[in-house]
Amino acid sequence: MSDDERDRLLAAAVGLREQGRQEEARDRLVELAARLPDDAEVAYQTAWAHDVLGLEADAVPHYQRALKATGPAGPTGLSEADRRGALLGLGSTFRTLGRYEEAVATLRGAVAEFPDDGALRTFLAMALYNTGDHHESARLLLRLLAATSEDPSVQRYRRAIEHYAEDLDATE
């Protein structure tokens, strides 16, 4: 398959998803992924198409293939934005499937790679909550709130929020 044909087929499938024609998009992407099993972008879009339809278990191998094909120190295959999306998608999908430890591991790695991404930190906090690590979950969310909130009352107490985020059991 030529690069032009690949690009045309991928764009058409993504366009179908964006038009709300998720089933048709998924069918086309599954077919394209079978023809291009080492294409990270096709694998990512195929995973996304499954997630949109609530087919999380079917999305996992596509996310894994997309991420295996491209890594922080490996060959390029996904843009930085798509890599972030694939990591968030895989971590969130693991959480949805009740695979909490895998969700935490995936999202911890993603946060280490993209430390300024608030969505990754938020999904990590949710996965930590699911594993029973409520203290770490609350700490992450309080830090994120203090750093990103534009609410004047939150900003007024930012230092206190940051302090208590480190030790929620502190009394002073």
C-alpha atoms as a PDB file:
ATOM      1  CA  MET A   1       0.000   0.000   0.000  1.00  0.00           C
ATOM      2  CA  SER A   2       1.344   3.415  -0.875  1.00  0.00           C
ATOM      3  CA  ASP A   3       1.725   6.126   1.746  1.00  0.00           C
ATOM      4  CA  ASP A   4      -0.872   8.229  -0.076  1.00  0.00           C
ATOM      5  CA  GLU A   5      -3.422   5.392  -0.027  1.00  0.00           C
ATOM      6  CA  ARG A   6      -2.713   4.737   3.655  1.00  0.00           C
ATOM      7  CA  ASP A   7      -3.149   8.420   4.505  1.00  0.00           C
ATOM      8  CA  ARG A   8      -6.380   8.632   2.496  1.00  0.00           C
ATOM      9  CA  LEU A   9      -7.893   5.522   4.111  1.00  0.00           C
ATOM     10  CA  LEU A  10      -6.884   6.614   7.616  1.00  0.00           C
ATOM     11  CA  ALA A  11      -8.276  10.127   7.134  1.00  0.00           C
ATOM     12  CA  ALA A  12     -11.549   8.727   5.799  1.00  0.00           C
ATOM     13  CA  ALA A  13     -11.948   6.396   8.787  1.00  0.00           C
ATOM     14  CA  VAL A  14     -11.141   9.134  11.318  1.00  0.00           C
ATOM     15  CA  GLY A  15     -13.582  11.400   9.497  1.00  0.00           C
ATOM     16  CA  LEU A  16     -16.324   8.807   9.919  1.00  0.00           C
ATOM     17  CA  ARG A  17     -15.647   8.663  13.665  1.00  0.00           C
ATOM     18  CA  GLU A  18     -15.759  12.451  13.888  1.00  0.00           C
ATOM     19  CA  GLN A  19     -19.118  12.415  12.042  1.00  0.00           C
ATOM     20  CA  GLY A  20     -20.536  10.050  14.655  1.00  0.00           C
ATOM     21  CA  ARG A  21     -20.383   6.998  12.404  1.00  0.00           C
ATOM     22  CA  GLN A  22     -18.365   5.024  14.952  1.00  0.00           C
ATOM     23  CA  GLU A  23     -19.249   1.483  13.838  1.00  0.00           C
ATOM     24  CA  GLU A  24     -18.306   2.184  10.243  1.00  0.00           C
ATOM     25  CA  ALA A  25     -15.113   3.915  11.353  1.00  0.00           C
ATOM     26  CA  ARG A  26     -14.179   0.958  13.558  1.00  0.00           C
ATOM     27  CA  ASP A  27     -14.785  -1.515  10.736  1.00  0.00           C
ATOM     28  CA  ARG A  28     -12.551   0.435   8.376  1.00  0.00           C
ATOM     29  CA  LEU A  29      -9.837   0.893  10.987  1.00  0.00           C
ATOM     30  CA  VAL A  30      -9.822  -2.799  11.921  1.00  0.00           C
ATOM     31  CA  GLU A  31      -9.360  -3.636   8.243  1.00  0.00           C
ATOM     32  CA  LEU A  32      -6.601  -1.043   7.877  1.00  0.00           C
ATOM     33  CA  ALA A  33      -4.872  -2.251  11.061  1.00  0.00           C
ATOM     34  CA  ALA A  34      -4.865  -5.807   9.699  1.00  0.00           C
ATOM     35  CA  ARG A  35      -3.155  -4.555   6.539  1.00  0.00           C
ATOM     36  CA  LEU A  36      -0.695  -2.341   8.463  1.00  0.00           C
ATOM     37  CA  PRO A  37       0.000  -4.131  11.767  1.00  0.00           C
ATOM     38  CA  ASP A  38       3.161  -2.126  12.518  1.00  0.00           C
ATOM     39  CA  ASP A  39       1.646   1.304  11.909  1.00  0.00           C
ATOM     40  CA  ALA A  40       1.460   3.086  15.275  1.00  0.00           C
ATOM     41  CA  GLU A  41      -0.969   5.773  14.157  1.00  0.00           C
ATOM     42  CA  VAL A  42      -3.388   3.266  12.645  1.00  0.00           C
ATOM     43  CA  ALA A  43      -3.189   1.172  15.831  1.00  0.00           C
ATOM     44  CA  TYR A  44      -3.898   4.253  17.977  1.00  0.00           C
ATOM     45  CA  GLN A  45      -6.871   5.318  15.888  1.00  0.00           C
ATOM     46  CA  THR A  46      -8.203   1.746  15.952  1.00  0.00           C
ATOM     47  CA  ALA A  47      -7.932   1.658  19.740  1.00  0.00           C
ATOM     48  CA  TRP A  48      -9.741   4.981  19.982  1.00  0.00           C
ATOM     49  CA  ALA A  49     -12.515   3.701  17.701  1.00  0.00           C
ATOM     50  CA  HIS A  50     -13.059   0.741  20.030  1.00  0.00           C
ATOM     51  CA  ASP A  51     -13.065   2.944  23.142  1.00  0.00           C
ATOM     52  CA  VAL A  52     -15.684   5.270  21.660  1.00  0.00           C
ATOM     53  CA  LEU A  53     -17.976   2.268  21.259  1.00  0.00           C
ATOM     54  CA  GLY A  54     -17.397   0.989  24.801  1.00  0.00           C
ATOM     55  CA  LEU A  55     -15.310  -1.927  23.529  1.00  0.00           C
ATOM     56  CA  GLU A  56     -12.469  -1.316  25.975  1.00  0.00           C
ATOM     57  CA  ALA A  57     -11.151  -4.893  26.066  1.00  0.00           C
ATOM     58  CA  ASP A  58     -10.814  -4.830  22.283  1.00  0.00           C
ATOM     59  CA  ALA A  59      -9.028  -1.458  22.440  1.00  0.00           C
ATOM     60  CA  VAL A  60      -6.189  -2.663  24.688  1.00  0.00           C
ATOM     61  CA  PRO A  61      -4.113  -4.615  22.130  1.00  0.00           C
ATOM     62  CA  HIS A  62      -4.355  -1.731  19.664  1.00  0.00           C
ATOM     63  CA  TYR A  63      -3.146   0.771  22.275  1.00  0.00           C
ATOM     64  CA  GLN A  64      -0.321  -1.590  23.208  1.00  0.00           C
ATOM     65  CA  ARG A  65       0.701  -2.032  19.581  1.00  0.00           C
ATOM     66  CA  ALA A  66       0.673   1.735  19.020  1.00  0.00           C
ATOM     67  CA  LEU A  67       2.837   2.338  22.072  1.00  0.00           C
ATOM     68  CA  LYS A  68       5.185  -0.543  21.330  1.00  0.00           C
ATOM     69  CA  ALA A  69       5.826   0.842  17.873  1.00  0.00           C
ATOM     70  CA  THR A  70       6.892   4.163  19.321  1.00  0.00           C
ATOM     71  CA  GLY A  71       8.510   5.012  22.603  1.00  0.00           C
ATOM     72  CA  PRO A  72      10.129   7.982  24.305  1.00  0.00           C
ATOM     73  CA  ALA A  73      13.562   6.812  23.189  1.00  0.00           C
ATOM     74  CA  GLY A  74      12.451   4.591  20.326  1.00  0.00           C
ATOM     75  CA  PRO A  75      11.390   5.104  16.742  1.00  0.00           C
ATOM     76  CA  THR A  76       8.831   7.717  15.953  1.00  0.00           C
ATOM     77  CA  GLY A  77       5.402   6.616  14.888  1.00  0.00           C
ATOM     78  CA  LEU A  78       3.066   8.733  16.980  1.00  0.00           C
ATOM     79  CA  SER A  79       3.199  12.456  17.416  1.00  0.00           C
ATOM     80  CA  GLU A  80       3.802  13.608  20.975  1.00  0.00           C
ATOM     81  CA  ALA A  81       0.109  14.505  21.308  1.00  0.00           C
ATOM     82  CA  ASP A  82      -0.979  11.082  20.031  1.00  0.00           C
ATOM     83  CA  ARG A  83       1.493   9.335  22.332  1.00  0.00           C
ATOM     84  CA  ARG A  84       0.006  11.217  25.294  1.00  0.00           C
ATOM     85  CA  GLY A  85      -3.464  10.270  24.086  1.00  0.00           C
ATOM     86  CA  ALA A  86      -2.533   6.617  23.679  1.00  0.00           C
ATOM     87  CA  LEU A  87      -1.000   6.461  27.158  1.00  0.00           C
ATOM     88  CA  LEU A  88      -4.041   8.140  28.686  1.00  0.00           C
ATOM     89  CA  GLY A  89      -6.360   5.914  26.663  1.00  0.00           C
ATOM     90  CA  LEU A  90      -4.598   2.714  27.694  1.00  0.00           C
ATOM     91  CA  GLY A  91      -4.394   3.712  31.353  1.00  0.00           C
ATOM     92  CA  SER A  92      -8.023   4.787  31.435  1.00  0.00           C
ATOM     93  CA  THR A  93      -9.093   1.627  29.623  1.00  0.00           C
ATOM     94  CA  PHE A  94      -7.223  -0.567  32.106  1.00  0.00           C
ATOM     95  CA  ARG A  95      -9.024   1.297  34.919  1.00  0.00           C
ATOM     96  CA  THR A  96     -12.415   0.854  33.263  1.00  0.00           C
ATOM     97  CA  LEU A  97     -11.714  -2.871  32.924  1.00  0.00           C
ATOM     98  CA  GLY A  98     -10.838  -3.130  36.633  1.00  0.00           C
ATOM     99  CA  ARG A  99      -7.163  -3.728  35.838  1.00  0.00           C
ATOM    100  CA  TYR A 100      -6.166  -1.104  38.380  1.00  0.00           C
ATOM    101  CA  GLU A 101      -2.516  -2.045  38.926  1.00  0.00           C
ATOM    102  CA  GLU A 102      -1.889  -1.958  35.165  1.00  0.00           C
ATOM    103  CA  ALA A 103      -3.676   1.389  35.015  1.00  0.00           C
ATOM    104  CA  VAL A 104      -1.449   2.807  37.750  1.00  0.00           C
ATOM    105  CA  ALA A 105       1.722   1.467  36.120  1.00  0.00           C
ATOM    106  CA  THR A 106       0.762   2.845  32.705  1.00  0.00           C
ATOM    107  CA  LEU A 107      -0.291   6.228  34.039  1.00  0.00           C
ATOM    108  CA  ARG A 108       2.742   6.571  36.352  1.00  0.00           C
ATOM    109  CA  GLY A 109       4.973   6.028  33.333  1.00  0.00           C
ATOM    110  CA  ALA A 110       2.956   8.534  31.339  1.00  0.00           C
ATOM    111  CA  VAL A 111       3.181  11.161  34.106  1.00  0.00           C
ATOM    112  CA  ALA A 112       6.938  10.591  34.331  1.00  0.00           C
ATOM    113  CA  GLU A 113       7.188  11.149  30.577  1.00  0.00           C
ATOM    114  CA  PHE A 114       4.766  14.110  30.511  1.00  0.00           C
ATOM    115  CA  PRO A 115       4.867  15.613  34.035  1.00  0.00           C
ATOM    116  CA  ASP A 116       2.963  18.771  33.102  1.00  0.00           C
ATOM    117  CA  ASP A 117      -0.076  16.942  31.706  1.00  0.00           C
ATOM    118  CA  GLY A 118      -2.938  17.511  34.127  1.00  0.00           C
ATOM    119  CA  ALA A 119      -5.229  14.965  32.471  1.00  0.00           C
ATOM    120  CA  LEU A 120      -2.658  12.197  32.951  1.00  0.00           C
ATOM    121  CA  ARG A 121      -2.248  13.165  36.613  1.00  0.00           C
ATOM    122  CA  THR A 122      -6.016  13.199  37.083  1.00  0.00           C
ATOM    123  CA  PHE A 123      -6.471   9.734  35.588  1.00  0.00           C
ATOM    124  CA  LEU A 124      -3.552   8.471  37.673  1.00  0.00           C
ATOM    125  CA  ALA A 125      -5.289   9.830  40.786  1.00  0.00           C
ATOM    126  CA  MET A 126      -8.464   7.944  39.857  1.00  0.00           C
ATOM    127  CA  ALA A 127      -6.520   4.705  39.333  1.00  0.00           C
ATOM    128  CA  LEU A 128      -4.700   5.185  42.636  1.00  0.00           C
ATOM    129  CA  TYR A 129      -8.046   5.643  44.344  1.00  0.00           C
ATOM    130  CA  ASN A 130      -9.195   2.338  42.835  1.00  0.00           C
ATOM    131  CA  THR A 131      -6.142   0.556  44.262  1.00  0.00           C
ATOM    132  CA  GLY A 132      -6.917   1.924  47.724  1.00  0.00           C
ATOM    133  CA  ASP A 133      -4.089   4.468  47.704  1.00  0.00           C
ATOM    134  CA  HIS A 134      -6.394   7.281  48.741  1.00  0.00           C
ATOM    135  CA  HIS A 135      -3.653   9.433  50.272  1.00  0.00           C
ATOM    136  CA  GLU A 136      -1.596   9.536  47.060  1.00  0.00           C
ATOM    137  CA  SER A 137      -4.745  10.072  45.014  1.00  0.00           C
ATOM    138  CA  ALA A 138      -5.815  13.068  47.107  1.00  0.00           C
ATOM    139  CA  ARG A 139      -2.250  14.441  47.147  1.00  0.00           C
ATOM    140  CA  LEU A 140      -2.101  14.422  43.334  1.00  0.00           C
ATOM    141  CA  LEU A 141      -5.492  16.067  42.986  1.00  0.00           C
ATOM    142  CA  LEU A 142      -4.762  18.739  45.600  1.00  0.00           C
ATOM    143  CA  ARG A 143      -1.454  19.593  43.938  1.00  0.00           C
ATOM    144  CA  LEU A 144      -3.176  19.812  40.570  1.00  0.00           C
ATOM    145  CA  LEU A 145      -5.955  21.973  42.005  1.00  0.00           C
ATOM    146  CA  ALA A 146      -3.476  24.338  43.657  1.00  0.00           C
ATOM    147  CA  ALA A 147      -1.394  24.640  40.502  1.00  0.00           C
ATOM    148  CA  THR A 148      -4.166  25.040  37.937  1.00  0.00           C
ATOM    149  CA  SER A 149      -7.223  26.573  39.585  1.00  0.00           C
ATOM    150  CA  GLU A 150      -8.092  30.130  38.673  1.00  0.00           C
ATOM    151  CA  ASP A 151     -10.630  30.306  41.490  1.00  0.00           C
ATOM    152  CA  PRO A 152      -9.572  33.266  43.661  1.00  0.00           C
ATOM    153  CA  SER A 153     -10.508  31.487  46.881  1.00  0.00           C
ATOM    154  CA  VAL A 154      -8.364  28.482  45.939  1.00  0.00           C
ATOM    155  CA  GLN A 155      -5.485  30.753  45.015  1.00  0.00           C
ATOM    156  CA  ARG A 156      -5.847  32.619  48.322  1.00  0.00           C
ATOM    157  CA  TYR A 157      -5.229  29.314  50.147  1.00  0.00           C
ATOM    158  CA  ARG A 158      -2.815  27.823  47.644  1.00  0.00           C
ATOM    159  CA  ARG A 159       0.111  27.557  50.057  1.00  0.00           C
ATOM    160  CA  ALA A 160      -2.033  25.830  52.673  1.00  0.00           C
ATOM    161  CA  ILE A 161      -3.484  23.434  50.074  1.00  0.00           C
ATOM    162  CA  GLU A 162       0.015  22.577  48.838  1.00  0.00           C
ATOM    163  CA  HIS A 163       1.193  22.046  52.421  1.00  0.00           C
ATOM    164  CA  TYR A 164      -1.687  19.741  53.337  1.00  0.00           C
ATOM    165  CA  ALA A 165      -1.345  17.896  50.041  1.00  0.00           C
ATOM    166  CA  GLU A 166       1.960  16.560  51.380  1.00  0.00           C
ATOM    167  CA  ASP A 167       0.462  15.447  54.692  1.00  0.00           C
ATOM    168  CA  LEU A 168      -3.298  15.276  54.851  1.00  0.00           C
ATOM    169  CA  ASP A 169      -3.089  14.206  58.473  1.00  0.00           C
ATOM    170  CA  ALA A 170      -1.232  17.358  59.526  1.00  0.00           C
ATOM    171  CA  THR A 171      -3.134  19.582  61.939  1.00  0.00           C
ATOM    172  CA  GLU A 172      -1.108  22.762  61.654  1.00  0.00           C
END
